[in-house]
Amino acid sequence: MSHEISDFQADVIQRSATIPVLVDFWAEWCGPCRVLGPVLERLSEKQADRWVLAKVNTDVHQDIAARYGVRGIPNVKLFVDGKVIDEFTGALPEKAVEQWLATALPDPFKRELDTAREMIRKENVTGAQVLLEGLLQRAPANEQARVLLAGTYIFSEPAKAEGLVKAIEEHSTHFPSADAIKTIAQLRHKGAAPDKLPDNPVRTLYLEAIRDLSRNNFDTALEKFINVIRLNRMYDDDGARKAVVAVFKVLGDEHPVVLAHRRSFSSALYT
């Protein structure tokens, strides 16, 4: 199957509105182009549901090459919605091209994830859960969906939330959110076994904060955690500070409760 373009506007610009288009700028005389070409062909067949390949011979289409600033070939540009979102030059090994694609390609579930976020923002939690659970049936490894779904369960079913993010590792961009969810889930475990906490005058206050958090009383929970920080910062291995950071992360920077307590939290840390 030939991927050589016949109409750049139709084959690349218009088509990239529905699926990412990978454009290979090449020429017959270019040795590295002959190395990279088959690599792109193989990957385009393997990942046909994610993107399509279009080849532009720079000798034939000098105007297009000039328009997009092609100075060396092979030059590969990824088009989404008619615009170049990423590119590379040179004949990369197949593994390197795969790694580049993994980073450069937009998430195919972006629209669904955006919809789920909007549902959560509007407090349509049930609708978001149905959407995200359906997405994870099709793409169980989607970490963004896992984090979003876990966030909807963390205060009602913490064990379920913890299980959803358990496999997300430190190198992941979603690890901070996953770690916050794990921290809150672990607090619930501590609240259920208070005798395992260190014996200290702040223990009662710390447990009250955990209890308030489990009841979604975020305002009073944060107030009590911040008081623990003031009284004994290192209690339960800096547990109160970690709890506040986790709640802030899960609720989001713009949540009214977060905005109300951010200054007092900062003040407590440096008292």
Protein backbone atom coordinates (compact mmCIF):
# COMPACT_ATOMS: atom_id res chain seq x y z
CA MET A 1 0.00 0.00 0.00
CA SER A 2 1.46 3.38 -1.05
CA HIS A 3 1.49 6.15 1.53
CA GLU A 4 2.74 8.83 -0.89
CA ILE A 5 0.46 11.85 -0.75
CA SER A 6 -1.54 13.09 -3.73
CA ASP A 7 -3.20 16.03 -1.96
CA PHE A 8 -1.44 17.34 1.16
CA GLN A 9 -4.49 19.32 2.30
CA ALA A 10 -6.76 16.26 2.14
CA ASP A 11 -4.26 13.53 3.01
CA VAL A 12 -2.63 15.31 5.96
CA ILE A 13 -4.35 18.49 7.15
CA GLN A 14 -7.97 17.35 6.88
CA ARG A 15 -7.32 13.74 7.84
CA SER A 16 -5.38 14.74 10.95
CA ALA A 17 -8.64 16.11 12.36
CA THR A 18 -9.85 12.52 12.86
CA ILE A 19 -6.61 10.57 13.38
CA PRO A 20 -2.96 11.64 13.90
CA VAL A 21 -0.99 11.67 10.64
CA LEU A 22 2.75 10.89 10.68
CA VAL A 23 4.41 12.61 7.72
CA ASP A 24 7.71 11.21 6.44
CA PHE A 25 9.60 13.84 4.41
CA TRP A 26 12.03 11.85 2.26
CA ALA A 27 13.79 11.65 -1.13
CA GLU A 28 14.93 8.86 -3.47
CA TRP A 29 18.64 9.77 -3.17
CA CYS A 30 18.60 9.83 0.67
CA GLY A 31 20.25 6.74 2.20
CA PRO A 32 18.96 7.26 5.77
CA CYS A 33 15.45 7.71 4.30
CA ARG A 34 15.63 4.20 2.85
CA VAL A 35 16.56 2.91 6.32
CA LEU A 36 13.79 4.75 8.16
CA GLY A 37 11.04 4.20 5.58
CA PRO A 38 10.51 0.46 6.23
CA VAL A 39 10.56 1.11 10.00
CA LEU A 40 7.70 3.61 9.67
CA GLU A 41 5.82 1.24 7.35
CA ARG A 42 6.01 -1.60 9.90
CA LEU A 43 4.97 0.61 12.79
CA SER A 44 2.08 2.12 10.81
CA GLU A 45 0.70 -1.39 10.25
CA LYS A 46 1.25 -2.38 13.89
CA GLN A 47 -0.38 0.79 15.25
CA ALA A 48 -2.99 1.36 12.52
CA ASP A 49 -5.63 2.20 15.12
CA ARG A 50 -3.49 5.04 16.54
CA TRP A 51 -2.09 6.90 13.51
CA VAL A 52 -1.62 6.83 9.74
CA LEU A 53 1.48 7.34 7.62
CA ALA A 54 1.84 9.88 4.81
CA LYS A 55 5.03 10.22 2.75
CA VAL A 56 6.14 13.45 1.12
CA ASN A 57 8.91 13.29 -1.50
CA THR A 58 10.77 16.57 -0.96
CA ASP A 59 12.05 16.62 -4.55
CA VAL A 60 8.48 16.48 -5.85
CA HIS A 61 6.89 18.69 -3.17
CA GLN A 62 9.57 21.30 -2.53
CA ASP A 63 6.93 23.90 -1.66
CA ILE A 64 5.49 21.77 1.15
CA ALA A 65 8.95 20.97 2.50
CA ALA A 66 9.80 24.68 2.52
CA ARG A 67 6.48 25.59 4.15
CA TYR A 68 7.19 23.26 7.08
CA GLY A 69 10.86 24.16 7.45
CA VAL A 70 12.32 20.83 6.37
CA ARG A 71 16.10 21.36 6.29
CA GLY A 72 17.34 17.80 6.67
CA ILE A 73 15.85 14.44 5.75
CA PRO A 74 14.46 12.09 6.75
CA ASN A 75 12.30 14.47 8.74
CA VAL A 76 9.21 13.08 10.50
CA LYS A 77 6.42 15.37 11.67
CA LEU A 78 3.31 14.36 13.60
CA PHE A 79 0.17 16.28 12.60
CA VAL A 80 -2.90 16.54 14.85
CA ASP A 81 -5.83 18.81 13.97
CA GLY A 82 -3.85 20.26 11.08
CA LYS A 83 -0.82 21.26 13.17
CA VAL A 84 2.62 19.78 13.85
CA ILE A 85 2.73 18.69 17.49
CA ASP A 86 6.11 16.89 17.46
CA GLU A 87 8.90 15.83 15.10
CA PHE A 88 12.36 14.31 14.73
CA THR A 89 15.10 14.26 12.09
CA GLY A 90 17.33 11.32 11.13
CA ALA A 91 17.01 7.56 10.85
CA LEU A 92 16.22 6.44 14.40
CA PRO A 93 16.18 2.72 15.32
CA GLU A 94 12.73 1.12 15.45
CA LYS A 95 12.71 0.95 19.27
CA ALA A 96 13.57 4.64 19.49
CA VAL A 97 10.76 5.54 17.08
CA GLU A 98 8.32 3.48 19.18
CA GLN A 99 9.44 5.32 22.32
CA TRP A 100 9.06 8.68 20.57
CA LEU A 101 5.56 7.74 19.40
CA ALA A 102 4.56 6.69 22.91
CA THR A 103 5.33 10.20 24.12
CA ALA A 104 4.28 12.21 21.05
CA LEU A 105 0.91 10.63 20.26
CA PRO A 106 -2.08 12.21 22.02
CA ASP A 107 -4.08 10.01 24.37
CA PRO A 108 -6.83 8.41 22.25
CA PHE A 109 -9.12 8.64 25.26
CA LYS A 110 -8.54 12.37 25.85
CA ARG A 111 -12.13 13.37 25.05
CA GLU A 112 -13.58 10.74 27.40
CA LEU A 113 -11.14 11.72 30.16
CA ASP A 114 -12.00 15.40 29.72
CA THR A 115 -15.70 14.51 29.92
CA ALA A 116 -15.11 12.52 33.12
CA ARG A 117 -13.23 15.44 34.69
CA GLU A 118 -16.06 17.79 33.83
CA MET A 119 -18.58 15.35 35.35
CA ILE A 120 -16.53 15.20 38.55
CA ARG A 121 -16.27 19.00 38.64
CA LYS A 122 -20.06 19.21 38.39
CA GLU A 123 -20.39 16.51 41.10
CA ASN A 124 -21.85 13.93 38.71
CA VAL A 125 -19.65 11.30 40.33
CA THR A 126 -21.80 8.31 39.34
CA GLY A 127 -21.72 9.32 35.67
CA ALA A 128 -17.94 9.76 35.80
CA GLN A 129 -17.52 6.34 37.43
CA VAL A 130 -19.58 4.62 34.73
CA LEU A 131 -17.60 6.36 31.97
CA LEU A 132 -14.19 5.64 33.53
CA GLU A 133 -14.98 2.01 34.36
CA GLY A 134 -16.06 1.49 30.75
CA LEU A 135 -12.85 3.10 29.52
CA LEU A 136 -10.73 0.85 31.75
CA GLN A 137 -12.45 -2.25 30.38
CA ARG A 138 -11.07 -1.23 26.96
CA ALA A 139 -7.75 0.16 28.19
CA PRO A 140 -6.94 -1.34 31.60
CA ALA A 141 -3.45 0.17 31.65
CA ASN A 142 -4.65 3.77 31.25
CA GLU A 143 -3.16 5.34 34.39
CA GLN A 144 -4.97 8.66 34.01
CA ALA A 145 -8.33 6.91 34.06
CA ARG A 146 -7.23 4.84 37.06
CA VAL A 147 -6.25 7.94 39.03
CA LEU A 148 -9.47 9.78 38.16
CA LEU A 149 -11.62 6.79 39.07
CA ALA A 150 -9.70 6.19 42.30
CA GLY A 151 -10.27 9.83 43.23
CA THR A 152 -14.03 9.28 43.07
CA TYR A 153 -13.81 6.32 45.46
CA ILE A 154 -11.09 7.40 47.90
CA PHE A 155 -13.42 8.78 50.56
CA SER A 156 -16.19 6.17 50.17
CA GLU A 157 -14.33 2.96 49.24
CA PRO A 158 -10.64 3.59 50.05
CA ALA A 159 -9.62 -0.05 49.54
CA LYS A 160 -11.02 0.02 46.01
CA ALA A 161 -9.30 3.35 45.32
CA GLU A 162 -5.98 2.03 46.61
CA GLY A 163 -6.26 -1.07 44.44
CA LEU A 164 -6.84 1.03 41.32
CA VAL A 165 -3.55 2.93 41.71
CA LYS A 166 -1.44 0.24 43.37
CA ALA A 167 0.53 -0.58 40.20
CA ILE A 168 1.39 3.04 39.30
CA GLU A 169 5.14 3.41 39.84
CA GLU A 170 7.37 6.36 40.71
CA HIS A 171 8.52 7.03 37.13
CA SER A 172 4.91 7.65 36.04
CA THR A 173 3.68 11.23 35.60
CA HIS A 174 0.56 10.12 37.50
CA PHE A 175 2.52 8.90 40.54
CA PRO A 176 1.99 12.04 42.71
CA SER A 177 -1.79 11.67 42.43
CA ALA A 178 -1.60 7.91 42.96
CA ASP A 179 0.64 8.42 46.00
CA ALA A 180 -1.84 10.91 47.49
CA ILE A 181 -4.64 8.36 47.10
CA LYS A 182 -2.51 5.68 48.76
CA THR A 183 -1.69 8.05 51.62
CA ILE A 184 -5.37 8.75 52.33
CA ALA A 185 -6.23 5.03 52.12
CA GLN A 186 -3.46 4.24 54.60
CA LEU A 187 -4.79 6.90 56.98
CA ARG A 188 -8.12 5.08 57.00
CA HIS A 189 -6.28 1.86 57.97
CA LYS A 190 -4.59 3.73 60.84
CA GLY A 191 -7.92 5.11 62.00
CA ALA A 192 -9.25 1.56 62.21
CA ALA A 193 -6.30 0.43 64.36
CA PRO A 194 -5.58 3.39 66.69
CA ASP A 195 -3.56 1.34 69.19
CA LYS A 196 -0.83 0.89 66.57
CA LEU A 197 -0.18 4.62 66.47
CA PRO A 198 2.59 6.05 68.70
CA ASP A 199 1.48 7.02 72.19
CA ASN A 200 1.63 10.81 72.30
CA PRO A 201 -0.58 13.71 73.48
CA VAL A 202 -1.45 14.54 69.82
CA ARG A 203 -2.68 11.03 69.03
CA THR A 204 -6.31 11.83 69.95
CA LEU A 205 -6.32 14.92 67.74
CA TYR A 206 -4.68 13.00 64.90
CA LEU A 207 -7.32 10.27 65.13
CA GLU A 208 -10.09 12.86 65.18
CA ALA A 209 -8.66 14.34 61.97
CA ILE A 210 -8.65 10.89 60.34
CA ARG A 211 -12.22 10.29 61.51
CA ASP A 212 -13.36 13.64 60.10
CA LEU A 213 -11.63 12.84 56.81
CA SER A 214 -13.43 9.49 56.58
CA ARG A 215 -16.72 11.38 56.96
CA ASN A 216 -15.78 13.87 54.21
CA ASN A 217 -15.54 16.67 56.78
CA PHE A 218 -12.53 18.08 54.93
CA ASP A 219 -12.57 21.48 56.62
CA THR A 220 -12.34 20.18 60.19
CA ALA A 221 -9.99 17.34 59.19
CA LEU A 222 -7.49 19.77 57.66
CA GLU A 223 -7.78 22.12 60.62
CA LYS A 224 -6.93 19.27 63.01
CA PHE A 225 -4.09 17.90 60.89
CA ILE A 226 -2.59 21.40 60.75
CA ASN A 227 -2.87 21.68 64.54
CA VAL A 228 -1.02 18.36 64.86
CA ILE A 229 1.75 19.81 62.68
CA ARG A 230 2.02 22.80 65.02
CA LEU A 231 2.10 20.63 68.14
CA ASN A 232 4.29 17.75 66.96
CA ARG A 233 5.41 17.98 63.35
CA MET A 234 7.12 14.57 63.28
CA TYR A 235 4.30 12.56 64.86
CA ASP A 236 3.61 9.33 62.91
CA ASP A 237 6.59 10.01 60.65
CA ASP A 238 5.37 13.49 59.60
CA GLY A 239 1.96 11.91 59.02
CA ALA A 240 -0.15 15.07 59.45
CA ARG A 241 1.85 17.00 56.84
CA LYS A 242 1.63 14.08 54.41
CA ALA A 243 -2.12 13.89 55.06
CA VAL A 244 -2.67 17.57 54.25
CA VAL A 245 -0.56 17.37 51.08
CA ALA A 246 -2.53 14.28 49.98
CA VAL A 247 -5.93 15.89 50.62
CA PHE A 248 -4.86 19.04 48.76
CA LYS A 249 -3.74 16.89 45.82
CA VAL A 250 -6.94 14.85 45.65
CA LEU A 251 -9.32 17.81 46.10
CA GLY A 252 -7.39 20.03 43.68
CA ASP A 253 -5.79 23.47 43.96
CA GLU A 254 -9.02 25.35 43.28
CA HIS A 255 -11.21 23.53 45.81
CA PRO A 256 -12.62 26.05 48.34
CA VAL A 257 -11.43 24.01 51.32
CA VAL A 258 -7.90 23.85 49.92
CA LEU A 259 -7.87 27.60 49.31
CA ALA A 260 -9.15 28.19 52.86
CA HIS A 261 -6.36 26.17 54.52
CA ARG A 262 -3.32 26.67 52.28
CA ARG A 263 -2.01 29.71 54.17
CA SER A 264 -2.42 28.18 57.64
CA PHE A 265 -0.73 24.99 56.40
CA SER A 266 2.28 26.96 55.13
CA SER A 267 2.41 28.89 58.39
CA ALA A 268 2.33 25.69 60.48
CA LEU A 269 5.27 24.23 58.56
CA TYR A 270 7.51 27.16 59.48
CA THR A 271 6.29 27.85 63.01
